[in-house]
Amino acid sequence: MAALFLVNFVRFVLIGLEVLIFARVLLSWVDPAGRGGIARFVVQTTEPLLAPVRRLLPRTGMFDLSPLVVLLVLGAILRAVG
């Protein structure tokens, strides 16, 4: 029973992170400076995941591919978990 709870909790957290990263991508089109309260929360929550990946990836001009890479990794972990 505890193992099932743990698996569901991990899946819930991973899906929540995916939603936040997707929201960050959408917010980058609407409010790139992140001036709103929700935008600040999304940026502060996702930046610890995106910054290390952004440093590893080569520069691609104005495109930031780090959300795509993080979403792919989170999706792979989500599939492996359950």
PDB file of N, CA and C in Angstrom:
ATOM      1  N   MET A   1       0.814  -1.187   0.000  1.00  0.00           N
ATOM      2  CA  MET A   1       0.000   0.000   0.000  1.00  0.00           C
ATOM      3  C   MET A   1       0.861   1.256   0.000  1.00  0.00           C
ATOM      4  N   ALA A   2       1.923   1.260   0.808  1.00  0.00           N
ATOM      5  CA  ALA A   2       2.813   2.422   0.874  1.00  0.00           C
ATOM      6  C   ALA A   2       3.557   2.616  -0.445  1.00  0.00           C
ATOM      7  N   ALA A   3       3.907   1.513  -1.104  1.00  0.00           N
ATOM      8  CA  ALA A   3       4.612   1.615  -2.383  1.00  0.00           C
ATOM      9  C   ALA A   3       3.718   2.253  -3.445  1.00  0.00           C
ATOM     10  N   LEU A   4       2.454   1.891  -3.440  1.00  0.00           N
ATOM     11  CA  LEU A   4       1.516   2.478  -4.392  1.00  0.00           C
ATOM     12  C   LEU A   4       1.352   3.974  -4.143  1.00  0.00           C
ATOM     13  N   PHE A   5       1.273   4.359  -2.877  1.00  0.00           N
ATOM     14  CA  PHE A   5       1.186   5.782  -2.537  1.00  0.00           C
ATOM     15  C   PHE A   5       2.424   6.524  -3.023  1.00  0.00           C
ATOM     16  N   LEU A   6       3.604   5.949  -2.811  1.00  0.00           N
ATOM     17  CA  LEU A   6       4.847   6.584  -3.218  1.00  0.00           C
ATOM     18  C   LEU A   6       4.914   6.745  -4.735  1.00  0.00           C
ATOM     19  N   VAL A   7       4.533   5.717  -5.468  1.00  0.00           N
ATOM     20  CA  VAL A   7       4.531   5.798  -6.933  1.00  0.00           C
ATOM     21  C   VAL A   7       3.571   6.875  -7.418  1.00  0.00           C
ATOM     22  N   ASN A   8       2.375   6.915  -6.838  1.00  0.00           N
ATOM     23  CA  ASN A   8       1.407   7.936  -7.230  1.00  0.00           C
ATOM     24  C   ASN A   8       1.889   9.335  -6.875  1.00  0.00           C
ATOM     25  N   PHE A   9       2.530   9.480  -5.725  1.00  0.00           N
ATOM     26  CA  PHE A   9       3.051  10.787  -5.328  1.00  0.00           C
ATOM     27  C   PHE A   9       4.141  11.263  -6.288  1.00  0.00           C
ATOM     28  N   VAL A  10       5.059  10.372  -6.648  1.00  0.00           N
ATOM     29  CA  VAL A  10       6.131  10.721  -7.587  1.00  0.00           C
ATOM     30  C   VAL A  10       5.536  11.091  -8.941  1.00  0.00           C
ATOM     31  N   ARG A  11       4.551  10.338  -9.408  1.00  0.00           N
ATOM     32  CA  ARG A  11       3.898  10.661 -10.682  1.00  0.00           C
ATOM     33  C   ARG A  11       3.223  12.029 -10.606  1.00  0.00           C
ATOM     34  N   PHE A  12       2.568  12.327  -9.482  1.00  0.00           N
ATOM     35  CA  PHE A  12       1.903  13.614  -9.299  1.00  0.00           C
ATOM     36  C   PHE A  12       2.911  14.760  -9.367  1.00  0.00           C
ATOM     37  N   VAL A  13       4.049  14.604  -8.706  1.00  0.00           N
ATOM     38  CA  VAL A  13       5.077  15.641  -8.708  1.00  0.00           C
ATOM     39  C   VAL A  13       5.650  15.829 -10.111  1.00  0.00           C
ATOM     40  N   LEU A  14       5.922  14.739 -10.808  1.00  0.00           N
ATOM     41  CA  LEU A  14       6.473  14.837 -12.158  1.00  0.00           C
ATOM     42  C   LEU A  14       5.495  15.509 -13.124  1.00  0.00           C
ATOM     43  N   ILE A  15       4.234  15.169 -13.035  1.00  0.00           N
ATOM     44  CA  ILE A  15       3.224  15.795 -13.893  1.00  0.00           C
ATOM     45  C   ILE A  15       3.099  17.277 -13.546  1.00  0.00           C
ATOM     46  N   GLY A  16       3.164  17.610 -12.260  1.00  0.00           N
ATOM     47  CA  GLY A  16       3.127  19.012 -11.849  1.00  0.00           C
ATOM     48  C   GLY A  16       4.299  19.798 -12.414  1.00  0.00           C
ATOM     49  N   LEU A  17       5.494  19.208 -12.398  1.00  0.00           N
ATOM     50  CA  LEU A  17       6.663  19.868 -12.982  1.00  0.00           C
ATOM     51  C   LEU A  17       6.503  20.058 -14.482  1.00  0.00           C
ATOM     52  N   GLU A  18       5.956  19.049 -15.156  1.00  0.00           N
ATOM     53  CA  GLU A  18       5.716  19.187 -16.591  1.00  0.00           C
ATOM     54  C   GLU A  18       4.758  20.338 -16.881  1.00  0.00           C
ATOM     55  N   VAL A  19       3.706  20.446 -16.108  1.00  0.00           N
ATOM     56  CA  VAL A  19       2.729  21.531 -16.297  1.00  0.00           C
ATOM     57  C   VAL A  19       3.387  22.889 -16.048  1.00  0.00           C
ATOM     58  N   LEU A  20       4.212  22.986 -15.010  1.00  0.00           N
ATOM     59  CA  LEU A  20       4.891  24.252 -14.724  1.00  0.00           C
ATOM     60  C   LEU A  20       5.862  24.649 -15.828  1.00  0.00           C
ATOM     61  N   ILE A  21       6.579  23.679 -16.384  1.00  0.00           N
ATOM     62  CA  ILE A  21       7.516  23.990 -17.466  1.00  0.00           C
ATOM     63  C   ILE A  21       6.752  24.411 -18.720  1.00  0.00           C
ATOM     64  N   PHE A  22       5.662  23.737 -18.998  1.00  0.00           N
ATOM     65  CA  PHE A  22       4.835  24.132 -20.134  1.00  0.00           C
ATOM     66  C   PHE A  22       4.272  25.535 -19.919  1.00  0.00           C
ATOM     67  N   ALA A  23       3.863  25.845 -18.685  1.00  0.00           N
ATOM     68  CA  ALA A  23       3.373  27.188 -18.376  1.00  0.00           C
ATOM     69  C   ALA A  23       4.482  28.215 -18.547  1.00  0.00           C
ATOM     70  N   ARG A  24       5.699  27.848 -18.218  1.00  0.00           N
ATOM     71  CA  ARG A  24       6.827  28.781 -18.404  1.00  0.00           C
ATOM     72  C   ARG A  24       7.055  29.073 -19.870  1.00  0.00           C
ATOM     73  N   VAL A  25       6.930  28.061 -20.705  1.00  0.00           N
ATOM     74  CA  VAL A  25       7.076  28.287 -22.149  1.00  0.00           C
ATOM     75  C   VAL A  25       5.995  29.236 -22.645  1.00  0.00           C
ATOM     76  N   LEU A  26       4.762  29.001 -22.228  1.00  0.00           N
ATOM     77  CA  LEU A  26       3.672  29.887 -22.649  1.00  0.00           C
ATOM     78  C   LEU A  26       3.855  31.297 -22.098  1.00  0.00           C
ATOM     79  N   LEU A  27       4.291  31.409 -20.865  1.00  0.00           N
ATOM     80  CA  LEU A  27       4.513  32.733 -20.276  1.00  0.00           C
ATOM     81  C   LEU A  27       5.644  33.484 -20.970  1.00  0.00           C
ATOM     82  N   SER A  28       6.612  32.767 -21.519  1.00  0.00           N
ATOM     83  CA  SER A  28       7.707  33.446 -22.213  1.00  0.00           C
ATOM     84  C   SER A  28       7.208  34.176 -23.458  1.00  0.00           C
ATOM     85  N   TRP A  29       6.082  33.741 -23.989  1.00  0.00           N
ATOM     86  CA  TRP A  29       5.501  34.445 -25.141  1.00  0.00           C
ATOM     87  C   TRP A  29       4.649  35.620 -24.683  1.00  0.00           C
ATOM     88  N   VAL A  30       3.969  35.481 -23.549  1.00  0.00           N
ATOM     89  CA  VAL A  30       3.026  36.492 -23.093  1.00  0.00           C
ATOM     90  C   VAL A  30       3.711  37.535 -22.208  1.00  0.00           C
ATOM     91  N   ASP A  31       4.483  37.087 -21.229  1.00  0.00           N
ATOM     92  CA  ASP A  31       5.122  37.974 -20.264  1.00  0.00           C
ATOM     93  C   ASP A  31       6.581  37.557 -20.091  1.00  0.00           C
ATOM     94  N   PRO A  32       7.455  37.888 -21.059  1.00  0.00           N
ATOM     95  CA  PRO A  32       8.840  37.413 -20.989  1.00  0.00           C
ATOM     96  C   PRO A  32       9.616  37.930 -19.775  1.00  0.00           C
ATOM     97  N   ALA A  33       9.247  39.089 -19.258  1.00  0.00           N
ATOM     98  CA  ALA A  33       9.962  39.639 -18.105  1.00  0.00           C
ATOM     99  C   ALA A  33       9.512  38.993 -16.797  1.00  0.00           C
ATOM    100  N   GLY A  34       8.372  38.333 -16.777  1.00  0.00           N
ATOM    101  CA  GLY A  34       7.882  37.668 -15.572  1.00  0.00           C
ATOM    102  C   GLY A  34       7.502  38.643 -14.476  1.00  0.00           C
ATOM    103  N   ARG A  35       6.741  39.666 -14.826  1.00  0.00           N
ATOM    104  CA  ARG A  35       6.402  40.709 -13.858  1.00  0.00           C
ATOM    105  C   ARG A  35       5.246  40.336 -12.950  1.00  0.00           C
ATOM    106  N   GLY A  36       4.368  39.451 -13.378  1.00  0.00           N
ATOM    107  CA  GLY A  36       3.215  39.081 -12.560  1.00  0.00           C
ATOM    108  C   GLY A  36       3.589  38.114 -11.450  1.00  0.00           C
ATOM    109  N   GLY A  37       2.702  37.993 -10.481  1.00  0.00           N
ATOM    110  CA  GLY A  37       2.956  37.102  -9.352  1.00  0.00           C
ATOM    111  C   GLY A  37       3.025  35.644  -9.758  1.00  0.00           C
ATOM    112  N   ILE A  38       2.100  35.234 -10.610  1.00  0.00           N
ATOM    113  CA  ILE A  38       2.101  33.840 -11.076  1.00  0.00           C
ATOM    114  C   ILE A  38       3.338  33.578 -11.924  1.00  0.00           C
ATOM    115  N   ALA A  39       3.688  34.545 -12.769  1.00  0.00           N
ATOM    116  CA  ALA A  39       4.867  34.375 -13.620  1.00  0.00           C
ATOM    117  C   ALA A  39       6.133  34.253 -12.780  1.00  0.00           C
ATOM    118  N   ARG A  40       6.238  35.056 -11.735  1.00  0.00           N
ATOM    119  CA  ARG A  40       7.412  34.959 -10.855  1.00  0.00           C
ATOM    120  C   ARG A  40       7.481  33.591 -10.175  1.00  0.00           C
ATOM    121  N   PHE A  41       6.318  33.095  -9.732  1.00  0.00           N
ATOM    122  CA  PHE A  41       6.287  31.773  -9.096  1.00  0.00           C
ATOM    123  C   PHE A  41       6.730  30.686 -10.076  1.00  0.00           C
ATOM    124  N   VAL A  42       6.228  30.737 -11.293  1.00  0.00           N
ATOM    125  CA  VAL A  42       6.577  29.722 -12.293  1.00  0.00           C
ATOM    126  C   VAL A  42       8.069  29.786 -12.615  1.00  0.00           C
ATOM    127  N   VAL A  43       8.605  30.993 -12.782  1.00  0.00           N
ATOM    128  CA  VAL A  43      10.027  31.133 -13.099  1.00  0.00           C
ATOM    129  C   VAL A  43      10.889  30.641 -11.938  1.00  0.00           C
ATOM    130  N   GLN A  44      10.551  31.020 -10.722  1.00  0.00           N
ATOM    131  CA  GLN A  44      11.346  30.598  -9.565  1.00  0.00           C
ATOM    132  C   GLN A  44      11.269  29.092  -9.338  1.00  0.00           C
ATOM    133  N   THR A  45      10.157  28.477  -9.703  1.00  0.00           N
ATOM    134  CA  THR A  45      10.003  27.040  -9.509  1.00  0.00           C
ATOM    135  C   THR A  45      10.733  26.235 -10.574  1.00  0.00           C
ATOM    136  N   THR A  46      10.743  26.720 -11.798  1.00  0.00           N
ATOM    137  CA  THR A  46      11.326  25.946 -12.895  1.00  0.00           C
ATOM    138  C   THR A  46      12.789  26.265 -13.166  1.00  0.00           C
ATOM    139  N   GLU A  47      13.258  27.404 -12.737  1.00  0.00           N
ATOM    140  CA  GLU A  47      14.649  27.784 -13.037  1.00  0.00           C
ATOM    141  C   GLU A  47      15.684  26.802 -12.493  1.00  0.00           C
ATOM    142  N   PRO A  48      15.519  26.222 -11.290  1.00  0.00           N
ATOM    143  CA  PRO A  48      16.510  25.240 -10.834  1.00  0.00           C
ATOM    144  C   PRO A  48      16.611  24.002 -11.740  1.00  0.00           C
ATOM    145  N   LEU A  49      15.570  23.687 -12.467  1.00  0.00           N
ATOM    146  CA  LEU A  49      15.618  22.560 -13.411  1.00  0.00           C
ATOM    147  C   LEU A  49      16.186  22.975 -14.762  1.00  0.00           C
ATOM    148  N   LEU A  50      15.848  24.172 -15.203  1.00  0.00           N
ATOM    149  CA  LEU A  50      16.218  24.604 -16.552  1.00  0.00           C
ATOM    150  C   LEU A  50      17.634  25.168 -16.641  1.00  0.00           C
ATOM    151  N   ALA A  51      18.110  25.836 -15.609  1.00  0.00           N
ATOM    152  CA  ALA A  51      19.421  26.496 -15.670  1.00  0.00           C
ATOM    153  C   ALA A  51      20.580  25.528 -15.929  1.00  0.00           C
ATOM    154  N   PRO A  52      20.672  24.388 -15.236  1.00  0.00           N
ATOM    155  CA  PRO A  52      21.795  23.478 -15.532  1.00  0.00           C
ATOM    156  C   PRO A  52      21.745  22.923 -16.958  1.00  0.00           C
ATOM    157  N   VAL A  53      20.553  22.651 -17.440  1.00  0.00           N
ATOM    158  CA  VAL A  53      20.423  22.132 -18.809  1.00  0.00           C
ATOM    159  C   VAL A  53      20.798  23.225 -19.807  1.00  0.00           C
ATOM    160  N   ARG A  54      20.395  24.454 -19.524  1.00  0.00           N
ATOM    161  CA  ARG A  54      20.707  25.576 -20.403  1.00  0.00           C
ATOM    162  C   ARG A  54      22.215  25.780 -20.504  1.00  0.00           C
ATOM    163  N   ARG A  55      22.939  25.564 -19.404  1.00  0.00           N
ATOM    164  CA  ARG A  55      24.401  25.712 -19.429  1.00  0.00           C
ATOM    165  C   ARG A  55      25.062  24.613 -20.254  1.00  0.00           C
ATOM    166  N   LEU A  56      24.460  23.417 -20.279  1.00  0.00           N
ATOM    167  CA  LEU A  56      25.056  22.295 -21.017  1.00  0.00           C
ATOM    168  C   LEU A  56      24.800  22.367 -22.521  1.00  0.00           C
ATOM    169  N   LEU A  57      23.678  22.943 -22.912  1.00  0.00           N
ATOM    170  CA  LEU A  57      23.323  22.992 -24.324  1.00  0.00           C
ATOM    171  C   LEU A  57      24.098  24.082 -25.044  1.00  0.00           C
ATOM    172  N   PRO A  58      24.414  23.850 -26.330  1.00  0.00           N
ATOM    173  CA  PRO A  58      25.069  24.928 -27.093  1.00  0.00           C
ATOM    174  C   PRO A  58      24.084  26.064 -27.368  1.00  0.00           C
ATOM    175  N   ARG A  59      24.606  27.252 -27.581  1.00  0.00           N
ATOM    176  CA  ARG A  59      23.768  28.416 -27.886  1.00  0.00           C
ATOM    177  C   ARG A  59      23.072  28.216 -29.226  1.00  0.00           C
ATOM    178  N   THR A  60      21.781  28.498 -29.260  1.00  0.00           N
ATOM    179  CA  THR A  60      21.005  28.341 -30.499  1.00  0.00           C
ATOM    180  C   THR A  60      20.333  29.650 -30.888  1.00  0.00           C
ATOM    181  N   GLY A  61      20.992  30.747 -30.607  1.00  0.00           N
ATOM    182  CA  GLY A  61      20.414  32.040 -30.940  1.00  0.00           C
ATOM    183  C   GLY A  61      19.327  32.413 -29.960  1.00  0.00           C
ATOM    184  N   MET A  62      18.152  32.749 -30.484  1.00  0.00           N
ATOM    185  CA  MET A  62      17.081  33.196 -29.608  1.00  0.00           C
ATOM    186  C   MET A  62      16.213  32.055 -29.084  1.00  0.00           C
ATOM    187  N   PHE A  63      16.502  30.836 -29.478  1.00  0.00           N
ATOM    188  CA  PHE A  63      15.712  29.692 -29.042  1.00  0.00           C
ATOM    189  C   PHE A  63      16.336  29.040 -27.815  1.00  0.00           C
ATOM    190  N   ASP A  64      15.508  28.777 -26.811  1.00  0.00           N
ATOM    191  CA  ASP A  64      15.941  28.087 -25.600  1.00  0.00           C
ATOM    192  C   ASP A  64      15.359  26.674 -25.640  1.00  0.00           C
ATOM    193  N   LEU A  65      16.234  25.706 -25.839  1.00  0.00           N
ATOM    194  CA  LEU A  65      15.786  24.320 -25.961  1.00  0.00           C
ATOM    195  C   LEU A  65      15.774  23.576 -24.630  1.00  0.00           C
ATOM    196  N   SER A  66      16.158  24.235 -23.555  1.00  0.00           N
ATOM    197  CA  SER A  66      16.214  23.551 -22.261  1.00  0.00           C
ATOM    198  C   SER A  66      14.844  23.055 -21.793  1.00  0.00           C
ATOM    199  N   PRO A  67      13.729  23.779 -22.008  1.00  0.00           N
ATOM    200  CA  PRO A  67      12.444  23.201 -21.596  1.00  0.00           C
ATOM    201  C   PRO A  67      12.113  21.904 -22.335  1.00  0.00           C
ATOM    202  N   LEU A  68      12.467  21.834 -23.607  1.00  0.00           N
ATOM    203  CA  LEU A  68      12.211  20.613 -24.373  1.00  0.00           C
ATOM    204  C   LEU A  68      12.999  19.446 -23.799  1.00  0.00           C
ATOM    205  N   VAL A  69      14.263  19.670 -23.495  1.00  0.00           N
ATOM    206  CA  VAL A  69      15.106  18.604 -22.953  1.00  0.00           C
ATOM    207  C   VAL A  69      14.576  18.151 -21.592  1.00  0.00           C
ATOM    208  N   VAL A  70      14.227  19.109 -20.736  1.00  0.00           N
ATOM    209  CA  VAL A  70      13.723  18.751 -19.403  1.00  0.00           C
ATOM    210  C   VAL A  70      12.394  18.017 -19.512  1.00  0.00           C
ATOM    211  N   LEU A  71      11.515  18.451 -20.414  1.00  0.00           N
ATOM    212  CA  LEU A  71      10.242  17.745 -20.598  1.00  0.00           C
ATOM    213  C   LEU A  71      10.450  16.318 -21.092  1.00  0.00           C
ATOM    214  N   LEU A  72      11.411  16.115 -21.979  1.00  0.00           N
ATOM    215  CA  LEU A  72      11.706  14.759 -22.459  1.00  0.00           C
ATOM    216  C   LEU A  72      12.241  13.879 -21.330  1.00  0.00           C
ATOM    217  N   VAL A  73      13.119  14.434 -20.505  1.00  0.00           N
ATOM    218  CA  VAL A  73      13.671  13.663 -19.386  1.00  0.00           C
ATOM    219  C   VAL A  73      12.582  13.345 -18.359  1.00  0.00           C
ATOM    220  N   LEU A  74      11.754  14.341 -18.033  1.00  0.00           N
ATOM    221  CA  LEU A  74      10.667  14.097 -17.082  1.00  0.00           C
ATOM    222  C   LEU A  74       9.681  13.062 -17.626  1.00  0.00           C
ATOM    223  N   GLY A  75       9.401  13.118 -18.921  1.00  0.00           N
ATOM    224  CA  GLY A  75       8.511  12.135 -19.536  1.00  0.00           C
ATOM    225  C   GLY A  75       9.092  10.734 -19.462  1.00  0.00           C
ATOM    226  N   ALA A  76      10.405  10.613 -19.687  1.00  0.00           N
ATOM    227  CA  ALA A  76      11.043   9.304 -19.599  1.00  0.00           C
ATOM    228  C   ALA A  76      10.991   8.768 -18.172  1.00  0.00           C
ATOM    229  N   ILE A  77      11.246   9.640 -17.200  1.00  0.00           N
ATOM    230  CA  ILE A  77      11.172   9.215 -15.801  1.00  0.00           C
ATOM    231  C   ILE A  77       9.735   8.818 -15.440  1.00  0.00           C
ATOM    232  N   LEU A  78       8.781   9.583 -15.924  1.00  0.00           N
ATOM    233  CA  LEU A  78       7.379   9.285 -15.647  1.00  0.00           C
ATOM    234  C   LEU A  78       6.984   7.918 -16.221  1.00  0.00           C
ATOM    235  N   ARG A  79       7.448   7.610 -17.404  1.00  0.00           N
ATOM    236  CA  ARG A  79       7.151   6.305 -17.999  1.00  0.00           C
ATOM    237  C   ARG A  79       7.849   5.172 -17.237  1.00  0.00           C
ATOM    238  N   ALA A  80       9.050   5.454 -16.750  1.00  0.00           N
ATOM    239  CA  ALA A  80       9.778   4.425 -16.006  1.00  0.00           C
ATOM    240  C   ALA A  80       9.146   4.156 -14.637  1.00  0.00           C
ATOM    241  N   VAL A  81       8.574   5.196 -14.035  1.00  0.00           N
ATOM    242  CA  VAL A  81       7.985   5.046 -12.716  1.00  0.00           C
ATOM    243  C   VAL A  81       6.695   4.250 -12.769  1.00  0.00           C
ATOM    244  N   GLY A  82       5.887   4.542 -13.769  1.00  0.00           N
ATOM    245  CA  GLY A  82       4.617   3.845 -13.708  1.00  0.00           C
ATOM    246  C   GLY A  82       3.946   3.709 -14.991  1.00  0.00           C
TER     247      GLY A  82
END
